[in-house]
């Protein structure tokens, strides 16, 4: 929900709209794909879905960092989301590695 709030609060410019749309897409995809992973019918399917979750979380982190580095957005919400996205990437990487053992 915080990614939705962040994107809604972006300034109205072409650059912010493009980056915001990408961040919103990948940020909301993390939850949807994680939900799919938890409903996987096999270990192989779970590993595949968790890989997608990891990629989407990392992509979200990229867009959030781009918002910060470009100066298009700053503030506590963005800082918190960058920290959370970084933590989620680490968690999903660990889950993916352990699932392959």
N, C-alpha and C. Protein backbone atom coordinates (compact mmCIF):
# COMPACT_ATOMS: atom_id res chain seq x y z
N UNK A 1 0.82 -1.20 0.00
CA UNK A 1 0.00 0.00 0.00
C UNK A 1 0.87 1.26 0.00
N UNK A 2 2.03 1.17 0.66
CA UNK A 2 2.90 2.35 0.71
C UNK A 2 3.43 2.73 -0.67
N UNK A 3 3.66 1.75 -1.54
CA UNK A 3 4.14 2.07 -2.88
C UNK A 3 3.06 2.84 -3.65
N UNK A 4 1.81 2.50 -3.41
CA UNK A 4 0.70 3.21 -4.05
C UNK A 4 0.65 4.65 -3.55
N UNK A 5 0.81 4.83 -2.25
CA UNK A 5 0.82 6.18 -1.66
C UNK A 5 1.98 7.00 -2.20
N UNK A 6 3.15 6.37 -2.31
CA UNK A 6 4.32 7.08 -2.81
C UNK A 6 4.10 7.55 -4.24
N UNK A 7 3.63 6.66 -5.09
CA UNK A 7 3.42 7.01 -6.50
C UNK A 7 2.35 8.10 -6.62
N UNK A 8 1.33 8.03 -5.80
CA UNK A 8 0.29 9.06 -5.84
C UNK A 8 0.81 10.43 -5.42
N UNK A 9 1.88 10.44 -4.63
CA UNK A 9 2.40 11.71 -4.14
C UNK A 9 3.53 12.28 -5.01
N UNK A 10 3.87 11.59 -6.09
CA UNK A 10 4.94 12.08 -6.96
C UNK A 10 4.53 13.38 -7.64
N UNK A 11 5.50 14.23 -7.94
CA UNK A 11 5.17 15.45 -8.68
C UNK A 11 4.68 15.09 -10.09
N UNK A 12 3.90 15.95 -10.65
CA UNK A 12 3.37 15.70 -11.99
C UNK A 12 4.38 16.18 -13.03
N UNK A 13 5.13 15.23 -13.55
CA UNK A 13 6.06 15.50 -14.64
C UNK A 13 6.17 14.22 -15.47
N UNK A 14 6.67 14.36 -16.66
CA UNK A 14 6.79 13.18 -17.53
C UNK A 14 7.71 12.14 -16.91
N UNK A 15 8.84 12.61 -16.37
CA UNK A 15 9.82 11.70 -15.77
C UNK A 15 9.23 10.97 -14.57
N UNK A 16 8.59 11.71 -13.68
CA UNK A 16 8.00 11.11 -12.48
C UNK A 16 6.88 10.14 -12.85
N UNK A 17 6.10 10.47 -13.86
CA UNK A 17 5.03 9.57 -14.29
C UNK A 17 5.58 8.25 -14.81
N UNK A 18 6.64 8.31 -15.61
CA UNK A 18 7.22 7.10 -16.19
C UNK A 18 7.83 6.23 -15.10
N UNK A 19 8.65 6.83 -14.25
CA UNK A 19 9.31 6.06 -13.18
C UNK A 19 8.27 5.57 -12.17
N UNK A 20 7.32 6.41 -11.85
CA UNK A 20 6.26 6.03 -10.91
C UNK A 20 5.45 4.86 -11.41
N UNK A 21 5.11 4.87 -12.68
CA UNK A 21 4.35 3.77 -13.27
C UNK A 21 5.13 2.45 -13.17
N UNK A 22 6.43 2.53 -13.44
CA UNK A 22 7.26 1.33 -13.36
C UNK A 22 7.36 0.83 -11.92
N UNK A 23 7.56 1.75 -10.98
CA UNK A 23 7.66 1.38 -9.56
C UNK A 23 6.35 0.78 -9.07
N UNK A 24 5.24 1.34 -9.48
CA UNK A 24 3.94 0.83 -9.09
C UNK A 24 3.71 -0.58 -9.64
N UNK A 25 4.07 -0.77 -10.90
CA UNK A 25 3.89 -2.08 -11.54
C UNK A 25 4.72 -3.15 -10.84
N UNK A 26 6.01 -2.89 -10.69
CA UNK A 26 6.87 -3.91 -10.08
C UNK A 26 6.60 -4.06 -8.59
N UNK A 27 6.29 -2.96 -7.92
CA UNK A 27 6.03 -3.02 -6.48
C UNK A 27 4.79 -3.82 -6.12
N UNK A 28 3.76 -3.67 -6.90
CA UNK A 28 2.54 -4.44 -6.63
C UNK A 28 2.67 -5.87 -7.13
N UNK A 29 3.55 -6.09 -8.10
CA UNK A 29 3.78 -7.43 -8.62
C UNK A 29 4.44 -8.34 -7.59
N UNK A 30 5.23 -7.77 -6.69
CA UNK A 30 5.90 -8.56 -5.66
C UNK A 30 4.88 -9.35 -4.85
N UNK A 31 3.87 -8.66 -4.36
CA UNK A 31 2.85 -9.32 -3.55
C UNK A 31 2.04 -10.35 -4.33
N UNK A 32 1.69 -10.00 -5.54
CA UNK A 32 0.90 -10.93 -6.36
C UNK A 32 1.69 -12.19 -6.67
N UNK A 33 2.95 -12.03 -7.02
CA UNK A 33 3.76 -13.20 -7.35
C UNK A 33 4.12 -14.01 -6.11
N UNK A 34 4.29 -13.35 -4.98
CA UNK A 34 4.55 -14.10 -3.74
C UNK A 34 3.33 -14.95 -3.39
N UNK A 35 2.16 -14.37 -3.58
CA UNK A 35 0.93 -15.13 -3.32
C UNK A 35 0.87 -16.37 -4.21
N UNK A 36 1.23 -16.20 -5.48
CA UNK A 36 1.27 -17.35 -6.39
C UNK A 36 2.28 -18.39 -5.92
N UNK A 37 3.44 -17.93 -5.44
CA UNK A 37 4.48 -18.85 -4.98
C UNK A 37 3.99 -19.68 -3.81
N UNK A 38 3.25 -19.06 -2.90
CA UNK A 38 2.76 -19.80 -1.73
C UNK A 38 1.71 -20.83 -2.11
N UNK A 39 1.16 -20.71 -3.30
CA UNK A 39 0.16 -21.66 -3.78
C UNK A 39 0.73 -22.62 -4.83
N UNK A 40 2.05 -22.67 -4.91
CA UNK A 40 2.69 -23.54 -5.90
C UNK A 40 2.33 -25.00 -5.66
N UNK A 41 2.23 -25.74 -6.73
CA UNK A 41 1.85 -27.16 -6.65
C UNK A 41 3.04 -28.08 -6.49
N UNK A 42 4.24 -27.53 -6.67
CA UNK A 42 5.45 -28.36 -6.53
C UNK A 42 6.61 -27.48 -6.06
N UNK A 43 7.65 -28.13 -5.61
CA UNK A 43 8.85 -27.40 -5.18
C UNK A 43 9.46 -26.66 -6.37
N UNK A 44 9.48 -27.30 -7.51
CA UNK A 44 10.02 -26.67 -8.72
C UNK A 44 9.25 -25.40 -9.09
N UNK A 45 7.94 -25.48 -9.02
CA UNK A 45 7.11 -24.32 -9.32
C UNK A 45 7.34 -23.21 -8.29
N UNK A 46 7.46 -23.59 -7.01
CA UNK A 46 7.74 -22.62 -5.96
C UNK A 46 9.05 -21.89 -6.22
N UNK A 47 10.09 -22.63 -6.55
CA UNK A 47 11.40 -22.03 -6.82
C UNK A 47 11.32 -21.05 -7.99
N UNK A 48 10.59 -21.43 -9.01
CA UNK A 48 10.42 -20.56 -10.17
C UNK A 48 9.69 -19.27 -9.79
N UNK A 49 8.61 -19.40 -9.05
CA UNK A 49 7.82 -18.23 -8.66
C UNK A 49 8.60 -17.32 -7.71
N UNK A 50 9.35 -17.91 -6.78
CA UNK A 50 10.16 -17.10 -5.86
C UNK A 50 11.23 -16.34 -6.63
N UNK A 51 11.73 -16.94 -7.69
CA UNK A 51 12.69 -16.25 -8.55
C UNK A 51 12.08 -15.01 -9.17
N UNK A 52 10.84 -15.11 -9.58
CA UNK A 52 10.13 -13.95 -10.15
C UNK A 52 9.92 -12.89 -9.07
N UNK A 53 9.55 -13.31 -7.88
CA UNK A 53 9.36 -12.38 -6.76
C UNK A 53 10.66 -11.62 -6.49
N UNK A 54 11.75 -12.34 -6.47
CA UNK A 54 13.07 -11.72 -6.24
C UNK A 54 13.36 -10.67 -7.32
N UNK A 55 13.11 -11.02 -8.57
CA UNK A 55 13.36 -10.09 -9.67
C UNK A 55 12.49 -8.84 -9.56
N UNK A 56 11.23 -9.01 -9.24
CA UNK A 56 10.32 -7.87 -9.12
C UNK A 56 10.70 -6.97 -7.94
N UNK A 57 11.11 -7.60 -6.83
CA UNK A 57 11.53 -6.81 -5.66
C UNK A 57 12.78 -6.01 -5.99
N UNK A 58 13.72 -6.63 -6.70
CA UNK A 58 14.95 -5.94 -7.07
C UNK A 58 14.65 -4.82 -8.06
N UNK A 59 13.75 -5.06 -8.99
CA UNK A 59 13.37 -4.01 -9.94
C UNK A 59 12.72 -2.84 -9.21
N UNK A 60 11.87 -3.14 -8.25
CA UNK A 60 11.23 -2.08 -7.46
C UNK A 60 12.29 -1.26 -6.74
N UNK A 61 13.26 -1.94 -6.16
CA UNK A 61 14.35 -1.24 -5.48
C UNK A 61 15.06 -0.30 -6.45
N UNK A 62 15.31 -0.77 -7.65
CA UNK A 62 15.94 0.07 -8.67
C UNK A 62 15.15 1.35 -8.94
N UNK A 63 13.85 1.22 -9.16
CA UNK A 63 13.03 2.40 -9.46
C UNK A 63 12.97 3.36 -8.28
N UNK A 64 12.90 2.81 -7.07
CA UNK A 64 12.90 3.67 -5.89
C UNK A 64 14.22 4.42 -5.74
N UNK A 65 15.32 3.73 -5.98
CA UNK A 65 16.63 4.38 -5.92
C UNK A 65 16.74 5.45 -7.00
N UNK A 66 16.18 5.19 -8.16
CA UNK A 66 16.20 6.17 -9.24
C UNK A 66 15.40 7.42 -8.87
N UNK A 67 14.27 7.22 -8.24
CA UNK A 67 13.49 8.37 -7.77
C UNK A 67 14.31 9.21 -6.79
N UNK A 68 15.01 8.54 -5.89
CA UNK A 68 15.82 9.23 -4.90
C UNK A 68 17.00 9.96 -5.55
N UNK A 69 17.76 9.23 -6.37
CA UNK A 69 18.96 9.80 -6.97
C UNK A 69 18.66 10.91 -7.98
N UNK A 70 17.51 10.85 -8.62
CA UNK A 70 17.14 11.87 -9.60
C UNK A 70 16.64 13.15 -8.94
N UNK A 71 16.31 13.06 -7.66
CA UNK A 71 15.77 14.21 -6.95
C UNK A 71 14.29 14.42 -7.21
N UNK A 72 13.66 13.50 -7.92
CA UNK A 72 12.23 13.63 -8.19
C UNK A 72 11.40 13.46 -6.93
N UNK A 73 11.95 12.71 -5.97
CA UNK A 73 11.22 12.43 -4.74
C UNK A 73 12.24 12.21 -3.64
N UNK A 74 11.90 12.64 -2.46
CA UNK A 74 12.71 12.32 -1.29
C UNK A 74 11.78 12.32 -0.09
N UNK A 75 12.31 12.02 1.04
CA UNK A 75 11.48 12.02 2.24
C UNK A 75 11.47 10.67 2.92
N UNK A 76 10.83 10.65 4.06
CA UNK A 76 10.82 9.47 4.92
C UNK A 76 10.15 8.26 4.26
N UNK A 77 9.03 8.47 3.57
CA UNK A 77 8.34 7.35 2.93
C UNK A 77 9.24 6.67 1.91
N UNK A 78 9.92 7.46 1.09
CA UNK A 78 10.82 6.89 0.09
C UNK A 78 11.97 6.16 0.77
N UNK A 79 12.55 6.76 1.78
CA UNK A 79 13.65 6.12 2.52
C UNK A 79 13.19 4.78 3.10
N UNK A 80 12.02 4.79 3.72
CA UNK A 80 11.49 3.55 4.31
C UNK A 80 11.24 2.48 3.26
N UNK A 81 10.72 2.88 2.10
CA UNK A 81 10.44 1.91 1.04
C UNK A 81 11.72 1.35 0.44
N UNK A 82 12.74 2.17 0.31
CA UNK A 82 14.02 1.68 -0.19
C UNK A 82 14.60 0.65 0.79
N UNK A 83 14.55 0.97 2.06
CA UNK A 83 15.05 0.04 3.07
C UNK A 83 14.27 -1.27 3.04
N UNK A 84 12.94 -1.16 2.98
CA UNK A 84 12.10 -2.36 2.96
C UNK A 84 12.34 -3.19 1.70
N UNK A 85 12.45 -2.53 0.55
CA UNK A 85 12.70 -3.26 -0.70
C UNK A 85 14.04 -3.98 -0.65
N UNK A 86 15.05 -3.33 -0.09
CA UNK A 86 16.36 -3.95 0.04
C UNK A 86 16.29 -5.18 0.95
N UNK A 87 15.56 -5.07 2.04
CA UNK A 87 15.39 -6.20 2.95
C UNK A 87 14.62 -7.34 2.29
N UNK A 88 13.59 -6.99 1.54
CA UNK A 88 12.80 -8.02 0.86
C UNK A 88 13.62 -8.76 -0.20
N UNK A 89 14.45 -8.04 -0.93
CA UNK A 89 15.32 -8.69 -1.90
C UNK A 89 16.19 -9.72 -1.19
N UNK A 90 16.79 -9.32 -0.09
CA UNK A 90 17.66 -10.23 0.67
C UNK A 90 16.88 -11.45 1.16
N UNK A 91 15.68 -11.24 1.64
CA UNK A 91 14.84 -12.35 2.12
C UNK A 91 14.51 -13.31 0.98
N UNK A 92 14.09 -12.78 -0.15
CA UNK A 92 13.70 -13.64 -1.27
C UNK A 92 14.90 -14.36 -1.88
N UNK A 93 16.07 -13.73 -1.89
CA UNK A 93 17.28 -14.40 -2.35
C UNK A 93 17.56 -15.60 -1.44
N UNK A 94 17.47 -15.38 -0.14
CA UNK A 94 17.71 -16.46 0.83
C UNK A 94 16.70 -17.59 0.66
N UNK A 95 15.42 -17.24 0.53
CA UNK A 95 14.39 -18.26 0.33
C UNK A 95 14.68 -19.07 -0.93
N UNK A 96 15.03 -18.37 -2.00
CA UNK A 96 15.33 -19.07 -3.26
C UNK A 96 16.50 -20.01 -3.14
N UNK A 97 17.57 -19.56 -2.49
CA UNK A 97 18.76 -20.42 -2.30
C UNK A 97 18.45 -21.63 -1.44
N UNK A 98 17.76 -21.41 -0.33
CA UNK A 98 17.44 -22.51 0.58
C UNK A 98 16.47 -23.51 -0.07
N UNK A 99 15.59 -23.02 -0.90
CA UNK A 99 14.63 -23.90 -1.57
C UNK A 99 15.30 -24.83 -2.56
N UNK A 100 16.45 -24.42 -3.09
CA UNK A 100 17.17 -25.24 -4.06
C UNK A 100 18.01 -26.32 -3.41
N UNK A 101 18.17 -26.26 -2.10
CA UNK A 101 18.99 -27.27 -1.40
C UNK A 101 18.28 -28.59 -1.27
